[in-house]
Amino acid sequence: MISARSLEWKFLEQTLYLLPQKALFWKEENSLIVSDLHIGKVGHFRKAGIAIPRNLEQEDLSKLSDLIHEWKPYRVIFLGDLFHSDMNSDWHWLQLWRDLFPHIEMILVKGNHDILNPEFYEEAGFIVTDRLVTSTFAFIHEPLSAGQLNLEEKYVLSGHLHPGVKLVGSARQNLTISCFYFGVKQAVLPAFGRFTGNFCVEVEDSSLVFGIVNEKVIEL
């Protein structure tokens, strides 16, 4: 049963479900798409002596597990920054989580924080690539510039920016929320990880923005 809090959207003759958990499900390819988990970021800060709750990333992986059980994807595509840093104790949690889903293909499109040797990911059961191209979309980590997009044949799905949009109330109160940003030739997905901030994107007239408000996806 499809959650009423997700948003079904027909785009480029494909059926996309924008999920309030900050993920996207592509129906035709039975693929779950997430970006910027930043597993290992907590361990990175704790090694530096900064007290960060250990359970943040475990909760993110639990949330991702719930999505897999709900949507039953054939594959999961990570749009980069799956693991945040050099090797630390959080890698063990990611390995244990991966072992829970041996039947699911998991593809990592490398991000700027994915600095571990690709052999670590491959031994853990992840397929690693710098770019993934399908019949409809090209998956990358960092959004392309306008000049690069002019040379791109596919519609691009990217991450990296942790996009957000600012809502301003009648009493001048404001709130920045995570969002899905769809431009003419490129989309940016929100950061899945809780231990990340938001970068306010500039909304153009030709773009569409879907915000996550009260655990529901709405078009803004």
C-alpha atoms as a PDB file:
ATOM      1  CA  MET A   1       0.000   0.000   0.000  1.00  0.00           C
ATOM      2  CA  ILE A   2       1.420   3.368  -1.062  1.00  0.00           C
ATOM      3  CA  SER A   3       1.672   5.905   1.737  1.00  0.00           C
ATOM      4  CA  ALA A   4      -0.559   8.940   1.414  1.00  0.00           C
ATOM      5  CA  ARG A   5       2.367  11.051   2.571  1.00  0.00           C
ATOM      6  CA  SER A   6       4.414  10.261  -0.533  1.00  0.00           C
ATOM      7  CA  LEU A   7       3.821  12.069  -3.813  1.00  0.00           C
ATOM      8  CA  GLU A   8       3.301  10.183  -7.076  1.00  0.00           C
ATOM      9  CA  TRP A   9       4.561  12.118 -10.071  1.00  0.00           C
ATOM     10  CA  LYS A  10       4.669  11.318 -13.779  1.00  0.00           C
ATOM     11  CA  PHE A  11       7.898  12.688 -15.186  1.00  0.00           C
ATOM     12  CA  LEU A  12       9.546  11.964 -18.541  1.00  0.00           C
ATOM     13  CA  GLU A  13       6.991   9.158 -19.023  1.00  0.00           C
ATOM     14  CA  GLN A  14       8.222   7.552 -15.800  1.00  0.00           C
ATOM     15  CA  THR A  15       6.460   7.131 -12.457  1.00  0.00           C
ATOM     16  CA  LEU A  16       8.362   8.604  -9.545  1.00  0.00           C
ATOM     17  CA  TYR A  17       7.352   8.517  -5.905  1.00  0.00           C
ATOM     18  CA  LEU A  18       8.834  11.320  -3.822  1.00  0.00           C
ATOM     19  CA  LEU A  19       9.020  10.008  -0.278  1.00  0.00           C
ATOM     20  CA  PRO A  20       8.909  12.031   2.955  1.00  0.00           C
ATOM     21  CA  GLN A  21      11.860   9.998   4.236  1.00  0.00           C
ATOM     22  CA  LYS A  22      13.938  11.992   1.673  1.00  0.00           C
ATOM     23  CA  ALA A  23      14.188   9.249  -0.906  1.00  0.00           C
ATOM     24  CA  LEU A  24      12.808   8.601  -4.372  1.00  0.00           C
ATOM     25  CA  PHE A  25      11.268   5.405  -5.763  1.00  0.00           C
ATOM     26  CA  TRP A  26      11.370   4.804  -9.524  1.00  0.00           C
ATOM     27  CA  LYS A  27       8.519   2.442 -10.314  1.00  0.00           C
ATOM     28  CA  GLU A  28       9.475   1.283 -13.817  1.00  0.00           C
ATOM     29  CA  GLU A  29      12.957   0.222 -12.704  1.00  0.00           C
ATOM     30  CA  ASN A  30      11.881  -0.875  -9.217  1.00  0.00           C
ATOM     31  CA  SER A  31      14.705   1.241  -7.820  1.00  0.00           C
ATOM     32  CA  LEU A  32      15.024   3.150  -4.563  1.00  0.00           C
ATOM     33  CA  ILE A  33      17.257   6.232  -4.861  1.00  0.00           C
ATOM     34  CA  VAL A  34      18.856   8.001  -1.904  1.00  0.00           C
ATOM     35  CA  SER A  35      21.643  10.521  -1.495  1.00  0.00           C
ATOM     36  CA  ASP A  36      24.082  11.721   1.133  1.00  0.00           C
ATOM     37  CA  LEU A  37      23.712   9.359   4.073  1.00  0.00           C
ATOM     38  CA  HIS A  38      27.147  10.364   5.400  1.00  0.00           C
ATOM     39  CA  ILE A  39      27.561   7.213   7.460  1.00  0.00           C
ATOM     40  CA  GLY A  40      30.797   7.583   9.429  1.00  0.00           C
ATOM     41  CA  LYS A  41      30.357  11.296  10.052  1.00  0.00           C
ATOM     42  CA  VAL A  42      29.417  10.658  13.673  1.00  0.00           C
ATOM     43  CA  GLY A  43      32.496   8.490  14.181  1.00  0.00           C
ATOM     44  CA  HIS A  44      34.621  11.133  12.480  1.00  0.00           C
ATOM     45  CA  PHE A  45      33.513  13.814  14.933  1.00  0.00           C
ATOM     46  CA  ARG A  46      33.715  11.519  17.936  1.00  0.00           C
ATOM     47  CA  LYS A  47      37.331  10.671  17.058  1.00  0.00           C
ATOM     48  CA  ALA A  48      37.978  14.410  17.185  1.00  0.00           C
ATOM     49  CA  GLY A  49      36.543  14.529  20.712  1.00  0.00           C
ATOM     50  CA  ILE A  50      33.177  16.063  19.780  1.00  0.00           C
ATOM     51  CA  ALA A  51      30.283  14.374  21.584  1.00  0.00           C
ATOM     52  CA  ILE A  52      27.710  13.281  18.990  1.00  0.00           C
ATOM     53  CA  PRO A  53      25.010  10.663  19.791  1.00  0.00           C
ATOM     54  CA  ARG A  54      26.100   7.294  18.399  1.00  0.00           C
ATOM     55  CA  ASN A  55      22.610   6.212  17.363  1.00  0.00           C
ATOM     56  CA  LEU A  56      22.012   8.873  14.686  1.00  0.00           C
ATOM     57  CA  GLU A  57      23.389   6.805  11.820  1.00  0.00           C
ATOM     58  CA  GLN A  58      21.888   3.566  13.086  1.00  0.00           C
ATOM     59  CA  GLU A  59      18.504   5.295  12.993  1.00  0.00           C
ATOM     60  CA  ASP A  60      19.163   6.380   9.393  1.00  0.00           C
ATOM     61  CA  LEU A  61      19.989   2.809   8.387  1.00  0.00           C
ATOM     62  CA  SER A  62      16.893   1.583  10.215  1.00  0.00           C
ATOM     63  CA  LYS A  63      14.794   4.104   8.300  1.00  0.00           C
ATOM     64  CA  LEU A  64      16.327   2.919   5.031  1.00  0.00           C
ATOM     65  CA  SER A  65      15.574  -0.683   6.010  1.00  0.00           C
ATOM     66  CA  ASP A  66      11.939   0.269   6.571  1.00  0.00           C
ATOM     67  CA  LEU A  67      11.778   1.784   3.085  1.00  0.00           C
ATOM     68  CA  ILE A  68      13.251  -1.372   1.555  1.00  0.00           C
ATOM     69  CA  HIS A  69      10.682  -3.532   3.332  1.00  0.00           C
ATOM     70  CA  GLU A  70       7.869  -1.206   2.235  1.00  0.00           C
ATOM     71  CA  TRP A  71       8.807  -0.653  -1.410  1.00  0.00           C
ATOM     72  CA  LYS A  72      10.661  -3.939  -2.082  1.00  0.00           C
ATOM     73  CA  PRO A  73      13.106  -2.520  -4.641  1.00  0.00           C
ATOM     74  CA  TYR A  74      15.235  -4.619  -6.943  1.00  0.00           C
ATOM     75  CA  ARG A  75      18.104  -2.165  -6.448  1.00  0.00           C
ATOM     76  CA  VAL A  76      19.136   0.765  -4.304  1.00  0.00           C
ATOM     77  CA  ILE A  77      21.083   3.593  -5.944  1.00  0.00           C
ATOM     78  CA  PHE A  78      23.157   5.818  -3.650  1.00  0.00           C
ATOM     79  CA  LEU A  79      23.933   9.225  -5.149  1.00  0.00           C
ATOM     80  CA  GLY A  80      27.213   9.621  -3.316  1.00  0.00           C
ATOM     81  CA  ASP A  81      28.533  10.362   0.164  1.00  0.00           C
ATOM     82  CA  LEU A  82      27.432   7.016   1.514  1.00  0.00           C
ATOM     83  CA  PHE A  83      30.396   6.883   3.907  1.00  0.00           C
ATOM     84  CA  HIS A  84      31.653  10.241   5.096  1.00  0.00           C
ATOM     85  CA  SER A  85      35.307   9.800   5.928  1.00  0.00           C
ATOM     86  CA  ASP A  86      38.316   7.591   6.485  1.00  0.00           C
ATOM     87  CA  MET A  87      37.758   4.210   8.077  1.00  0.00           C
ATOM     88  CA  ASN A  88      36.212   4.308  11.534  1.00  0.00           C
ATOM     89  CA  SER A  89      34.003   2.119  13.709  1.00  0.00           C
ATOM     90  CA  ASP A  90      30.828   3.186  11.862  1.00  0.00           C
ATOM     91  CA  TRP A  91      31.951   1.147   8.844  1.00  0.00           C
ATOM     92  CA  HIS A  92      31.094  -1.978  10.829  1.00  0.00           C
ATOM     93  CA  TRP A  93      27.469  -0.848  11.145  1.00  0.00           C
ATOM     94  CA  LEU A  94      27.238  -0.236   7.406  1.00  0.00           C
ATOM     95  CA  GLN A  95      28.619  -3.698   6.667  1.00  0.00           C
ATOM     96  CA  LEU A  96      26.162  -5.354   9.052  1.00  0.00           C
ATOM     97  CA  TRP A  97      23.304  -3.418   7.476  1.00  0.00           C
ATOM     98  CA  ARG A  98      24.346  -4.411   3.950  1.00  0.00           C
ATOM     99  CA  ASP A  99      24.368  -8.085   4.966  1.00  0.00           C
ATOM    100  CA  LEU A 100      20.663  -7.818   5.798  1.00  0.00           C
ATOM    101  CA  PHE A 101      19.800  -7.435   2.097  1.00  0.00           C
ATOM    102  CA  PRO A 102      22.046  -9.799   0.097  1.00  0.00           C
ATOM    103  CA  HIS A 103      19.397 -10.176  -2.631  1.00  0.00           C
ATOM    104  CA  ILE A 104      19.232  -6.456  -3.424  1.00  0.00           C
ATOM    105  CA  GLU A 105      21.651  -4.831  -5.850  1.00  0.00           C
ATOM    106  CA  MET A 106      23.217  -1.722  -4.329  1.00  0.00           C
ATOM    107  CA  ILE A 107      25.045   0.781  -6.500  1.00  0.00           C
ATOM    108  CA  LEU A 108      27.166   3.609  -5.127  1.00  0.00           C
ATOM    109  CA  VAL A 109      27.749   6.582  -7.409  1.00  0.00           C
ATOM    110  CA  LYS A 110      30.859   7.912  -5.686  1.00  0.00           C
ATOM    111  CA  GLY A 111      30.693  11.241  -3.921  1.00  0.00           C
ATOM    112  CA  ASN A 112      33.425  13.585  -2.764  1.00  0.00           C
ATOM    113  CA  HIS A 113      33.326  12.077   0.742  1.00  0.00           C
ATOM    114  CA  ASP A 114      33.537   8.472  -0.483  1.00  0.00           C
ATOM    115  CA  ILE A 115      37.305   8.400  -0.078  1.00  0.00           C
ATOM    116  CA  LEU A 116      37.761   4.789   0.999  1.00  0.00           C
ATOM    117  CA  ASN A 117      39.384   2.408  -1.452  1.00  0.00           C
ATOM    118  CA  PRO A 118      36.639   1.044  -3.756  1.00  0.00           C
ATOM    119  CA  GLU A 119      37.709  -2.461  -2.689  1.00  0.00           C
ATOM    120  CA  PHE A 120      36.157  -1.861   0.741  1.00  0.00           C
ATOM    121  CA  TYR A 121      32.781  -1.075  -0.828  1.00  0.00           C
ATOM    122  CA  GLU A 122      32.987  -3.954  -3.271  1.00  0.00           C
ATOM    123  CA  GLU A 123      33.901  -6.444  -0.532  1.00  0.00           C
ATOM    124  CA  ALA A 124      30.867  -5.184   1.417  1.00  0.00           C
ATOM    125  CA  GLY A 125      28.598  -5.841  -1.569  1.00  0.00           C
ATOM    126  CA  PHE A 126      28.325  -2.418  -3.211  1.00  0.00           C
ATOM    127  CA  ILE A 127      28.858  -1.791  -6.930  1.00  0.00           C
ATOM    128  CA  VAL A 128      30.938   1.387  -7.242  1.00  0.00           C
ATOM    129  CA  THR A 129      30.894   3.763 -10.195  1.00  0.00           C
ATOM    130  CA  ASP A 130      31.508   7.446 -10.896  1.00  0.00           C
ATOM    131  CA  ARG A 131      28.389   7.726 -13.029  1.00  0.00           C
ATOM    132  CA  LEU A 132      25.378   5.538 -13.766  1.00  0.00           C
ATOM    133  CA  VAL A 133      23.465   5.962 -17.028  1.00  0.00           C
ATOM    134  CA  THR A 134      20.085   4.399 -17.777  1.00  0.00           C
ATOM    135  CA  SER A 135      17.621   4.763 -20.634  1.00  0.00           C
ATOM    136  CA  THR A 136      16.032   7.818 -18.968  1.00  0.00           C
ATOM    137  CA  PHE A 137      18.377   9.262 -16.343  1.00  0.00           C
ATOM    138  CA  ALA A 138      22.034   9.865 -15.628  1.00  0.00           C
ATOM    139  CA  PHE A 139      22.934   9.491 -11.949  1.00  0.00           C
ATOM    140  CA  ILE A 140      25.844  11.499 -10.537  1.00  0.00           C
ATOM    141  CA  HIS A 141      26.804  12.993  -7.192  1.00  0.00           C
ATOM    142  CA  GLU A 142      27.623  16.653  -7.754  1.00  0.00           C
ATOM    143  CA  PRO A 143      25.192  18.704  -9.881  1.00  0.00           C
ATOM    144  CA  LEU A 144      26.446  19.745 -13.298  1.00  0.00           C
ATOM    145  CA  SER A 145      27.051  23.335 -14.315  1.00  0.00           C
ATOM    146  CA  ALA A 146      24.929  24.974 -17.014  1.00  0.00           C
ATOM    147  CA  GLY A 147      27.693  24.418 -19.569  1.00  0.00           C
ATOM    148  CA  GLN A 148      28.013  20.750 -18.673  1.00  0.00           C
ATOM    149  CA  LEU A 149      24.251  20.278 -18.866  1.00  0.00           C
ATOM    150  CA  ASN A 150      24.242  21.627 -22.427  1.00  0.00           C
ATOM    151  CA  LEU A 151      26.414  18.638 -23.390  1.00  0.00           C
ATOM    152  CA  GLU A 152      24.385  16.106 -21.410  1.00  0.00           C
ATOM    153  CA  GLU A 153      21.911  13.929 -23.307  1.00  0.00           C
ATOM    154  CA  LYS A 154      20.126  12.445 -20.291  1.00  0.00           C
ATOM    155  CA  TYR A 155      18.159  14.079 -17.518  1.00  0.00           C
ATOM    156  CA  VAL A 156      20.482  14.217 -14.492  1.00  0.00           C
ATOM    157  CA  LEU A 157      19.673  13.114 -10.952  1.00  0.00           C
ATOM    158  CA  SER A 158      22.213  14.315  -8.405  1.00  0.00           C
ATOM    159  CA  GLY A 159      22.750  15.027  -4.715  1.00  0.00           C
ATOM    160  CA  HIS A 160      25.604  16.733  -2.824  1.00  0.00           C
ATOM    161  CA  LEU A 161      23.892  20.073  -2.126  1.00  0.00           C
ATOM    162  CA  HIS A 162      21.496  18.898   0.623  1.00  0.00           C
ATOM    163  CA  PRO A 163      18.844  21.175  -0.936  1.00  0.00           C
ATOM    164  CA  GLY A 164      16.440  23.126   1.214  1.00  0.00           C
ATOM    165  CA  VAL A 165      13.951  25.914   0.709  1.00  0.00           C
ATOM    166  CA  LYS A 166      12.939  28.657   3.121  1.00  0.00           C
ATOM    167  CA  LEU A 167       9.292  29.110   4.035  1.00  0.00           C
ATOM    168  CA  VAL A 168       8.289  32.536   5.390  1.00  0.00           C
ATOM    169  CA  GLY A 169       5.143  32.943   7.493  1.00  0.00           C
ATOM    170  CA  SER A 170       2.798  35.907   7.769  1.00  0.00           C
ATOM    171  CA  ALA A 171       4.433  36.950  11.045  1.00  0.00           C
ATOM    172  CA  ARG A 172       7.861  36.911   9.397  1.00  0.00           C
ATOM    173  CA  GLN A 173       8.793  33.635  11.018  1.00  0.00           C
ATOM    174  CA  ASN A 174      10.775  31.377   8.707  1.00  0.00           C
ATOM    175  CA  LEU A 175      11.620  27.710   8.447  1.00  0.00           C
ATOM    176  CA  THR A 176      14.065  25.933   6.134  1.00  0.00           C
ATOM    177  CA  ILE A 177      12.865  22.517   5.006  1.00  0.00           C
ATOM    178  CA  SER A 178      14.465  19.792   2.918  1.00  0.00           C
ATOM    179  CA  CYS A 179      13.246  19.553  -0.654  1.00  0.00           C
ATOM    180  CA  PHE A 180      13.421  17.786  -3.994  1.00  0.00           C
ATOM    181  CA  TYR A 181      14.524  20.245  -6.679  1.00  0.00           C
ATOM    182  CA  PHE A 182      13.718  19.571 -10.345  1.00  0.00           C
ATOM    183  CA  GLY A 183      15.152  21.924 -12.946  1.00  0.00           C
ATOM    184  CA  VAL A 184      14.810  21.747 -16.719  1.00  0.00           C
ATOM    185  CA  LYS A 185      17.646  19.234 -17.175  1.00  0.00           C
ATOM    186  CA  GLN A 186      18.702  18.289 -13.664  1.00  0.00           C
ATOM    187  CA  ALA A 187      17.246  17.345 -10.282  1.00  0.00           C
ATOM    188  CA  VAL A 188      18.827  17.440  -6.830  1.00  0.00           C
ATOM    189  CA  LEU A 189      17.650  15.041  -4.141  1.00  0.00           C
ATOM    190  CA  PRO A 190      17.566  15.908  -0.434  1.00  0.00           C
ATOM    191  CA  ALA A 191      20.150  14.484   1.935  1.00  0.00           C
ATOM    192  CA  PHE A 192      18.897  11.259   3.499  1.00  0.00           C
ATOM    193  CA  GLY A 193      21.154  11.439   6.555  1.00  0.00           C
ATOM    194  CA  ARG A 194      19.939  13.220   9.670  1.00  0.00           C
ATOM    195  CA  PHE A 195      23.380  14.533  10.551  1.00  0.00           C
ATOM    196  CA  THR A 196      23.469  16.963   7.626  1.00  0.00           C
ATOM    197  CA  GLY A 197      22.430  20.562   7.078  1.00  0.00           C
ATOM    198  CA  ASN A 198      20.427  22.195   4.307  1.00  0.00           C
ATOM    199  CA  PHE A 199      21.607  24.535   1.569  1.00  0.00           C
ATOM    200  CA  CYS A 200      18.909  26.937   0.364  1.00  0.00           C
ATOM    201  CA  VAL A 201      18.580  26.530  -3.399  1.00  0.00           C
ATOM    202  CA  GLU A 202      17.666  29.364  -5.725  1.00  0.00           C
ATOM    203  CA  VAL A 203      14.267  28.575  -7.200  1.00  0.00           C
ATOM    204  CA  GLU A 204      13.883  29.507 -10.857  1.00  0.00           C
ATOM    205  CA  ASP A 205      10.597  29.981 -12.695  1.00  0.00           C
ATOM    206  CA  SER A 206      11.305  26.915 -14.829  1.00  0.00           C
ATOM    207  CA  SER A 207      11.932  24.630 -11.852  1.00  0.00           C
ATOM    208  CA  LEU A 208       9.699  22.579  -9.592  1.00  0.00           C
ATOM    209  CA  VAL A 209      10.262  22.231  -5.864  1.00  0.00           C
ATOM    210  CA  PHE A 210       8.686  19.618  -3.618  1.00  0.00           C
ATOM    211  CA  GLY A 211       9.114  20.273   0.092  1.00  0.00           C
ATOM    212  CA  ILE A 212       8.905  17.893   3.024  1.00  0.00           C
ATOM    213  CA  VAL A 213       6.523  19.340   5.602  1.00  0.00           C
ATOM    214  CA  ASN A 214       5.216  17.451   8.621  1.00  0.00           C
ATOM    215  CA  GLU A 215       6.484  14.193   7.118  1.00  0.00           C
ATOM    216  CA  LYS A 216       4.551  14.768   3.904  1.00  0.00           C
ATOM    217  CA  VAL A 217       5.775  15.717   0.400  1.00  0.00           C
ATOM    218  CA  ILE A 218       3.994  18.723  -1.140  1.00  0.00           C
ATOM    219  CA  GLU A 219       4.573  20.786  -4.263  1.00  0.00           C
ATOM    220  CA  LEU A 220       5.554  24.343  -3.403  1.00  0.00           C
END
